[in-house]
Amino acid sequence: MTSTPSRPSVLFVCVKNCGKSQIAAALTRHLAGDKVEVHSAGTRPGSAINALSAEAVAELGADMSGQTPHAIDPETLRRANRVIVLGDEAQVDPIEGMTGTIEVWRTDEPSHRGIEGMERMRLVRDNIKQRITNLIVELLQKENAK
């Protein structure tokens, strides 16, 4: 039996779970504290966190250094109030028993403009952070309205 979390929950997904979804999870943990249950996963998980991603979030005081890439856990997928797919490459299909919604964030990709390295990662991080700030407000407003 699937239980409903006592606080809003979000699952961030990208292909490798090495960069964008981990950035989103780290920033959400940093900005929302324990008010939001945070998970991240990949559709085809890589082997290690992207070092530039970790460095970029650390600049804002967030930490993803202890994280490792994970595959999507069906139970977490069922329980999440919101499943956020970062970028156009990953695909997440609804499964039986899901309680939340799936949405896709088409994130900025500076490499398409020839921007690479740390400059690219900061732009990606900042784009995700802006969306995270709005998401946290929305999740907590819904929770407070209950």
N, C-alpha and C. Protein backbone atom coordinates (compact mmCIF):
# COMPACT_ATOMS: atom_id res chain seq x y z
N MET A 1 0.85 -1.18 0.00
CA MET A 1 0.00 0.00 0.00
C MET A 1 0.89 1.24 0.00
N THR A 2 0.58 2.19 -0.85
CA THR A 2 1.35 3.42 -0.97
C THR A 2 0.89 4.41 0.08
N SER A 3 1.84 5.00 0.80
CA SER A 3 1.49 5.99 1.80
C SER A 3 1.72 7.38 1.23
N THR A 4 0.95 8.33 1.73
CA THR A 4 1.10 9.71 1.30
C THR A 4 2.11 10.37 2.21
N PRO A 5 3.09 11.07 1.64
CA PRO A 5 4.08 11.72 2.50
C PRO A 5 3.44 12.80 3.36
N SER A 6 4.02 13.03 4.55
CA SER A 6 3.48 14.03 5.47
C SER A 6 3.85 15.44 5.04
N ARG A 7 4.74 15.57 4.12
CA ARG A 7 5.15 16.86 3.57
C ARG A 7 5.19 16.71 2.05
N PRO A 8 5.14 17.81 1.31
CA PRO A 8 5.16 17.67 -0.14
C PRO A 8 6.45 16.98 -0.59
N SER A 9 6.34 16.18 -1.63
CA SER A 9 7.51 15.46 -2.13
C SER A 9 7.69 15.71 -3.62
N VAL A 10 8.95 15.73 -4.03
CA VAL A 10 9.27 15.95 -5.43
C VAL A 10 10.37 14.98 -5.84
N LEU A 11 10.25 14.47 -7.05
CA LEU A 11 11.27 13.61 -7.65
C LEU A 11 11.77 14.31 -8.90
N PHE A 12 13.07 14.60 -8.93
CA PHE A 12 13.69 15.21 -10.10
C PHE A 12 14.35 14.11 -10.92
N VAL A 13 14.14 14.15 -12.23
CA VAL A 13 14.66 13.10 -13.10
C VAL A 13 15.36 13.72 -14.30
N CYS A 14 16.53 13.17 -14.64
CA CYS A 14 17.18 13.44 -15.91
C CYS A 14 17.74 12.09 -16.38
N VAL A 15 18.46 12.07 -17.47
CA VAL A 15 18.92 10.80 -18.00
C VAL A 15 19.92 10.12 -17.07
N LYS A 16 21.01 10.79 -16.77
CA LYS A 16 22.10 10.15 -16.04
C LYS A 16 22.04 10.34 -14.53
N ASN A 17 21.25 11.31 -14.04
CA ASN A 17 21.19 11.64 -12.63
C ASN A 17 22.58 12.02 -12.10
N CYS A 18 23.35 12.67 -12.96
CA CYS A 18 24.70 13.11 -12.59
C CYS A 18 24.80 14.62 -12.49
N GLY A 19 23.88 15.34 -13.13
CA GLY A 19 23.97 16.79 -13.22
C GLY A 19 22.67 17.49 -12.86
N LYS A 20 21.81 17.73 -13.86
CA LYS A 20 20.65 18.60 -13.68
C LYS A 20 19.70 18.14 -12.58
N SER A 21 19.34 16.87 -12.54
CA SER A 21 18.41 16.42 -11.50
C SER A 21 19.06 16.50 -10.12
N GLN A 22 20.36 16.27 -10.05
CA GLN A 22 21.07 16.39 -8.78
C GLN A 22 21.18 17.86 -8.34
N ILE A 23 21.40 18.76 -9.31
CA ILE A 23 21.41 20.20 -9.01
C ILE A 23 20.05 20.60 -8.44
N ALA A 24 18.98 20.19 -9.10
CA ALA A 24 17.63 20.54 -8.65
C ALA A 24 17.37 20.01 -7.24
N ALA A 25 17.77 18.78 -6.98
CA ALA A 25 17.55 18.19 -5.66
C ALA A 25 18.36 18.93 -4.59
N ALA A 26 19.62 19.20 -4.88
CA ALA A 26 20.47 19.89 -3.90
C ALA A 26 19.94 21.29 -3.60
N LEU A 27 19.52 22.01 -4.62
CA LEU A 27 19.00 23.37 -4.40
C LEU A 27 17.68 23.33 -3.64
N THR A 28 16.84 22.34 -3.91
CA THR A 28 15.58 22.23 -3.19
C THR A 28 15.83 21.92 -1.73
N ARG A 29 16.73 20.98 -1.46
CA ARG A 29 17.08 20.68 -0.06
C ARG A 29 17.62 21.93 0.64
N HIS A 30 18.47 22.66 -0.06
CA HIS A 30 19.10 23.86 0.52
C HIS A 30 18.06 24.95 0.79
N LEU A 31 17.18 25.18 -0.15
CA LEU A 31 16.23 26.30 -0.05
C LEU A 31 14.99 25.97 0.77
N ALA A 32 14.55 24.70 0.76
CA ALA A 32 13.32 24.33 1.47
C ALA A 32 13.58 23.66 2.81
N GLY A 33 14.82 23.26 3.05
CA GLY A 33 15.11 22.55 4.30
C GLY A 33 14.33 21.26 4.37
N ASP A 34 13.76 20.99 5.53
CA ASP A 34 13.02 19.74 5.70
C ASP A 34 11.53 19.89 5.38
N LYS A 35 11.16 21.01 4.78
CA LYS A 35 9.74 21.24 4.45
C LYS A 35 9.29 20.47 3.21
N VAL A 36 10.25 20.02 2.39
CA VAL A 36 9.94 19.28 1.18
C VAL A 36 10.79 18.01 1.15
N GLU A 37 10.15 16.89 0.88
CA GLU A 37 10.86 15.63 0.71
C GLU A 37 11.41 15.60 -0.72
N VAL A 38 12.72 15.39 -0.87
CA VAL A 38 13.38 15.54 -2.17
C VAL A 38 14.05 14.23 -2.58
N HIS A 39 13.83 13.87 -3.85
CA HIS A 39 14.47 12.69 -4.44
C HIS A 39 14.97 13.06 -5.84
N SER A 40 15.97 12.34 -6.31
CA SER A 40 16.39 12.49 -7.71
C SER A 40 16.74 11.12 -8.26
N ALA A 41 16.64 10.99 -9.58
CA ALA A 41 16.90 9.70 -10.22
C ALA A 41 17.19 9.93 -11.70
N GLY A 42 17.67 8.88 -12.34
CA GLY A 42 17.96 8.93 -13.76
C GLY A 42 17.29 7.79 -14.49
N THR A 43 16.98 8.03 -15.76
CA THR A 43 16.41 6.96 -16.58
C THR A 43 17.48 5.96 -17.01
N ARG A 44 18.72 6.43 -17.14
CA ARG A 44 19.89 5.57 -17.41
C ARG A 44 21.04 6.13 -16.58
N PRO A 45 21.04 5.86 -15.26
CA PRO A 45 22.00 6.51 -14.36
C PRO A 45 23.45 6.32 -14.77
N GLY A 46 24.21 7.39 -14.59
CA GLY A 46 25.64 7.36 -14.82
C GLY A 46 26.35 6.76 -13.62
N SER A 47 27.65 6.97 -13.57
CA SER A 47 28.44 6.34 -12.51
C SER A 47 28.87 7.31 -11.41
N ALA A 48 28.84 8.60 -11.67
CA ALA A 48 29.31 9.57 -10.67
C ALA A 48 28.69 10.93 -10.91
N ILE A 49 28.63 11.72 -9.84
CA ILE A 49 28.13 13.09 -9.92
C ILE A 49 29.08 13.92 -10.78
N ASN A 50 28.51 14.81 -11.58
CA ASN A 50 29.30 15.72 -12.40
C ASN A 50 30.00 16.73 -11.46
N ALA A 51 31.32 16.75 -11.52
CA ALA A 51 32.10 17.59 -10.59
C ALA A 51 31.79 19.08 -10.75
N LEU A 52 31.59 19.55 -11.98
CA LEU A 52 31.26 20.96 -12.17
C LEU A 52 29.88 21.29 -11.61
N SER A 53 28.95 20.35 -11.70
CA SER A 53 27.62 20.56 -11.10
C SER A 53 27.75 20.73 -9.60
N ALA A 54 28.52 19.84 -8.97
CA ALA A 54 28.71 19.91 -7.52
C ALA A 54 29.37 21.23 -7.12
N GLU A 55 30.35 21.64 -7.89
CA GLU A 55 31.04 22.90 -7.61
C GLU A 55 30.09 24.09 -7.76
N ALA A 56 29.26 24.06 -8.79
CA ALA A 56 28.33 25.17 -9.04
C ALA A 56 27.31 25.31 -7.92
N VAL A 57 26.76 24.22 -7.41
CA VAL A 57 25.78 24.34 -6.33
C VAL A 57 26.46 24.71 -5.01
N ALA A 58 27.69 24.25 -4.84
CA ALA A 58 28.43 24.59 -3.63
C ALA A 58 28.65 26.10 -3.53
N GLU A 59 28.79 26.77 -4.67
CA GLU A 59 28.94 28.23 -4.67
C GLU A 59 27.75 28.93 -4.04
N LEU A 60 26.59 28.27 -4.04
CA LEU A 60 25.38 28.85 -3.44
C LEU A 60 25.11 28.30 -2.05
N GLY A 61 26.02 27.47 -1.56
CA GLY A 61 25.85 26.90 -0.22
C GLY A 61 25.12 25.58 -0.18
N ALA A 62 24.75 25.05 -1.33
CA ALA A 62 24.08 23.74 -1.39
C ALA A 62 25.15 22.65 -1.53
N ASP A 63 24.76 21.42 -1.22
CA ASP A 63 25.74 20.33 -1.24
C ASP A 63 25.15 19.11 -1.93
N MET A 64 25.86 18.62 -2.93
CA MET A 64 25.47 17.35 -3.55
C MET A 64 26.65 16.39 -3.58
N SER A 65 27.69 16.70 -2.80
CA SER A 65 28.92 15.91 -2.85
C SER A 65 28.73 14.48 -2.37
N GLY A 66 27.80 14.25 -1.47
CA GLY A 66 27.58 12.90 -0.96
C GLY A 66 26.58 12.08 -1.76
N GLN A 67 26.10 12.62 -2.85
CA GLN A 67 25.07 11.94 -3.64
C GLN A 67 25.69 11.02 -4.69
N THR A 68 24.93 10.03 -5.10
CA THR A 68 25.33 9.15 -6.20
C THR A 68 24.14 8.98 -7.13
N PRO A 69 24.40 8.74 -8.42
CA PRO A 69 23.31 8.54 -9.36
C PRO A 69 22.49 7.29 -9.02
N HIS A 70 21.18 7.41 -9.19
CA HIS A 70 20.24 6.32 -8.90
C HIS A 70 19.26 6.17 -10.05
N ALA A 71 18.75 4.96 -10.20
CA ALA A 71 17.65 4.69 -11.13
C ALA A 71 16.34 5.11 -10.46
N ILE A 72 15.30 5.27 -11.24
CA ILE A 72 13.99 5.62 -10.70
C ILE A 72 13.46 4.43 -9.89
N ASP A 73 13.07 4.72 -8.66
CA ASP A 73 12.46 3.72 -7.79
C ASP A 73 10.94 3.81 -7.97
N PRO A 74 10.27 2.73 -8.36
CA PRO A 74 8.83 2.80 -8.60
C PRO A 74 8.03 3.30 -7.39
N GLU A 75 8.43 2.93 -6.18
CA GLU A 75 7.71 3.38 -4.99
C GLU A 75 7.83 4.90 -4.81
N THR A 76 9.02 5.43 -5.05
CA THR A 76 9.21 6.88 -4.97
C THR A 76 8.40 7.57 -6.05
N LEU A 77 8.37 7.00 -7.24
CA LEU A 77 7.57 7.55 -8.34
C LEU A 77 6.09 7.58 -7.97
N ARG A 78 5.61 6.54 -7.33
CA ARG A 78 4.20 6.50 -6.92
C ARG A 78 3.89 7.56 -5.85
N ARG A 79 4.81 7.76 -4.93
CA ARG A 79 4.56 8.65 -3.78
C ARG A 79 4.75 10.13 -4.06
N ALA A 80 5.57 10.47 -5.04
CA ALA A 80 5.91 11.88 -5.26
C ALA A 80 4.68 12.70 -5.66
N ASN A 81 4.55 13.87 -5.02
CA ASN A 81 3.49 14.79 -5.41
C ASN A 81 3.77 15.39 -6.78
N ARG A 82 5.06 15.54 -7.08
CA ARG A 82 5.46 16.14 -8.35
C ARG A 82 6.69 15.42 -8.86
N VAL A 83 6.64 15.03 -10.11
CA VAL A 83 7.80 14.45 -10.80
C VAL A 83 8.22 15.46 -11.84
N ILE A 84 9.45 15.95 -11.73
CA ILE A 84 9.96 16.97 -12.64
C ILE A 84 11.06 16.33 -13.48
N VAL A 85 10.85 16.32 -14.79
CA VAL A 85 11.84 15.81 -15.73
C VAL A 85 12.60 17.01 -16.27
N LEU A 86 13.92 17.00 -16.09
CA LEU A 86 14.74 18.13 -16.53
C LEU A 86 15.34 17.83 -17.89
N GLY A 87 15.01 18.66 -18.87
CA GLY A 87 15.52 18.51 -20.22
C GLY A 87 14.60 17.65 -21.08
N ASP A 88 14.97 17.54 -22.34
CA ASP A 88 14.13 16.84 -23.31
C ASP A 88 14.52 15.38 -23.51
N GLU A 89 15.63 14.94 -22.95
CA GLU A 89 16.13 13.61 -23.25
C GLU A 89 15.47 12.51 -22.43
N ALA A 90 15.22 12.75 -21.16
CA ALA A 90 14.64 11.72 -20.30
C ALA A 90 13.13 11.63 -20.52
N GLN A 91 12.61 10.43 -20.43
CA GLN A 91 11.17 10.19 -20.54
C GLN A 91 10.71 9.44 -19.30
N VAL A 92 9.66 9.90 -18.66
CA VAL A 92 9.08 9.22 -17.51
C VAL A 92 7.60 9.02 -17.81
N ASP A 93 7.18 7.77 -17.80
CA ASP A 93 5.78 7.44 -18.04
C ASP A 93 5.08 7.20 -16.71
N PRO A 94 3.82 7.59 -16.62
CA PRO A 94 3.07 7.33 -15.39
C PRO A 94 3.00 5.82 -15.13
N ILE A 95 2.96 5.46 -13.87
CA ILE A 95 2.78 4.05 -13.50
C ILE A 95 1.55 3.93 -12.61
N GLU A 96 1.03 2.73 -12.51
CA GLU A 96 -0.15 2.48 -11.71
C GLU A 96 0.11 2.88 -10.26
N GLY A 97 -0.83 3.60 -9.69
CA GLY A 97 -0.73 3.99 -8.29
C GLY A 97 -0.06 5.34 -8.07
N MET A 98 0.35 6.01 -9.14
CA MET A 98 0.97 7.33 -8.97
C MET A 98 -0.02 8.31 -8.38
N THR A 99 0.45 9.13 -7.45
CA THR A 99 -0.42 10.13 -6.83
C THR A 99 -0.14 11.54 -7.35
N GLY A 100 1.01 11.74 -7.97
CA GLY A 100 1.40 13.08 -8.40
C GLY A 100 1.35 13.27 -9.90
N THR A 101 1.86 14.39 -10.32
CA THR A 101 1.88 14.75 -11.73
C THR A 101 3.31 14.73 -12.25
N ILE A 102 3.43 14.59 -13.56
CA ILE A 102 4.72 14.63 -14.24
C ILE A 102 4.76 15.90 -15.08
N GLU A 103 5.83 16.65 -14.95
CA GLU A 103 6.00 17.81 -15.82
C GLU A 103 7.45 17.86 -16.31
N VAL A 104 7.63 18.47 -17.47
CA VAL A 104 8.96 18.57 -18.07
C VAL A 104 9.41 20.02 -18.01
N TRP A 105 10.62 20.22 -17.49
CA TRP A 105 11.24 21.53 -17.51
C TRP A 105 12.26 21.53 -18.64
N ARG A 106 12.00 22.31 -19.65
CA ARG A 106 12.96 22.46 -20.74
C ARG A 106 13.99 23.49 -20.28
N THR A 107 15.07 22.98 -19.76
CA THR A 107 16.08 23.83 -19.14
C THR A 107 16.99 24.47 -20.19
N ASP A 108 17.56 25.59 -19.80
CA ASP A 108 18.53 26.28 -20.64
C ASP A 108 19.71 25.35 -20.90
N GLU A 109 20.19 25.32 -22.13
CA GLU A 109 21.38 24.53 -22.44
C GLU A 109 22.40 25.43 -23.13
N PRO A 110 23.25 26.08 -22.32
CA PRO A 110 24.23 27.04 -22.85
C PRO A 110 25.19 26.44 -23.87
N SER A 111 25.42 25.13 -23.83
CA SER A 111 26.35 24.52 -24.80
C SER A 111 25.85 24.68 -26.22
N HIS A 112 24.54 24.83 -26.39
CA HIS A 112 23.99 25.07 -27.73
C HIS A 112 24.41 26.44 -28.26
N ARG A 113 24.86 27.31 -27.35
CA ARG A 113 25.33 28.65 -27.73
C ARG A 113 26.85 28.73 -27.66
N GLY A 114 27.51 27.58 -27.49
CA GLY A 114 28.96 27.55 -27.44
C GLY A 114 29.55 27.87 -26.08
N ILE A 115 28.72 27.89 -25.05
CA ILE A 115 29.19 28.18 -23.70
C ILE A 115 29.45 26.85 -22.99
N GLU A 116 30.66 26.68 -22.50
CA GLU A 116 31.06 25.42 -21.88
C GLU A 116 31.65 25.65 -20.50
N GLY A 117 32.06 24.57 -19.85
CA GLY A 117 32.78 24.62 -18.59
C GLY A 117 31.95 25.20 -17.46
N MET A 118 32.62 25.86 -16.54
CA MET A 118 31.97 26.39 -15.36
C MET A 118 30.96 27.47 -15.70
N GLU A 119 31.24 28.27 -16.72
CA GLU A 119 30.27 29.29 -17.13
C GLU A 119 28.95 28.63 -17.53
N ARG A 120 29.01 27.54 -18.29
CA ARG A 120 27.81 26.79 -18.68
C ARG A 120 27.08 26.28 -17.44
N MET A 121 27.84 25.68 -16.53
CA MET A 121 27.21 25.07 -15.36
C MET A 121 26.53 26.10 -14.48
N ARG A 122 27.12 27.28 -14.34
CA ARG A 122 26.47 28.34 -13.54
C ARG A 122 25.16 28.79 -14.19
N LEU A 123 25.14 28.90 -15.51
CA LEU A 123 23.90 29.28 -16.20
C LEU A 123 22.83 28.21 -16.04
N VAL A 124 23.21 26.95 -16.14
CA VAL A 124 22.27 25.83 -15.94
C VAL A 124 21.75 25.89 -14.50
N ARG A 125 22.66 26.02 -13.54
CA ARG A 125 22.28 26.08 -12.12
C ARG A 125 21.30 27.23 -11.86
N ASP A 126 21.60 28.41 -12.38
CA ASP A 126 20.76 29.57 -12.13
C ASP A 126 19.38 29.42 -12.75
N ASN A 127 19.31 28.80 -13.93
CA ASN A 127 18.02 28.54 -14.57
C ASN A 127 17.19 27.58 -13.71
N ILE A 128 17.83 26.54 -13.21
CA ILE A 128 17.14 25.57 -12.36
C ILE A 128 16.74 26.22 -11.03
N LYS A 129 17.62 27.02 -10.46
CA LYS A 129 17.33 27.66 -9.17
C LYS A 129 16.09 28.55 -9.24
N GLN A 130 15.95 29.29 -10.32
CA GLN A 130 14.77 30.15 -10.47
C GLN A 130 13.50 29.29 -10.47
N ARG A 131 13.52 28.17 -11.16
CA ARG A 131 12.35 27.29 -11.21
C ARG A 131 12.09 26.64 -9.85
N ILE A 132 13.17 26.28 -9.15
CA ILE A 132 13.05 25.65 -7.84
C ILE A 132 12.40 26.61 -6.85
N THR A 133 12.80 27.86 -6.87
CA THR A 133 12.23 28.85 -5.97
C THR A 133 10.72 28.92 -6.16
N ASN A 134 10.27 28.96 -7.40
CA ASN A 134 8.83 28.99 -7.69
C ASN A 134 8.14 27.69 -7.27
N LEU A 135 8.80 26.56 -7.51
CA LEU A 135 8.24 25.25 -7.15
C LEU A 135 8.03 25.15 -5.63
N ILE A 136 9.02 25.56 -4.87
CA ILE A 136 8.92 25.47 -3.41
C ILE A 136 7.73 26.30 -2.91
N VAL A 137 7.59 27.51 -3.41
CA VAL A 137 6.47 28.36 -3.01
C VAL A 137 5.15 27.65 -3.33
N GLU A 138 5.04 27.10 -4.51
CA GLU A 138 3.81 26.41 -4.93
C GLU A 138 3.53 25.19 -4.06
N LEU A 139 4.53 24.36 -3.83
CA LEU A 139 4.34 23.16 -3.02
C LEU A 139 3.91 23.50 -1.59
N LEU A 140 4.55 24.51 -1.01
CA LEU A 140 4.24 24.86 0.37
C LEU A 140 2.89 25.56 0.48
N GLN A 141 2.49 26.33 -0.54
CA GLN A 141 1.15 26.94 -0.52
C GLN A 141 0.08 25.87 -0.56
N LYS A 142 0.28 24.84 -1.40
CA LYS A 142 -0.69 23.75 -1.48
C LYS A 142 -0.75 23.00 -0.16
N GLU A 143 0.41 22.77 0.45
CA GLU A 143 0.47 22.05 1.73
C GLU A 143 -0.24 22.86 2.81
N ASN A 144 -0.04 24.17 2.83
CA ASN A 144 -0.66 25.03 3.85
C ASN A 144 -2.16 25.16 3.65
N ALA A 145 -2.63 24.95 2.41
CA ALA A 145 -4.07 25.07 2.12
C ALA A 145 -4.85 23.83 2.57
N LYS A 146 -4.13 22.76 2.90
CA LYS A 146 -4.81 21.53 3.30
C LYS A 146 -5.45 21.67 4.66
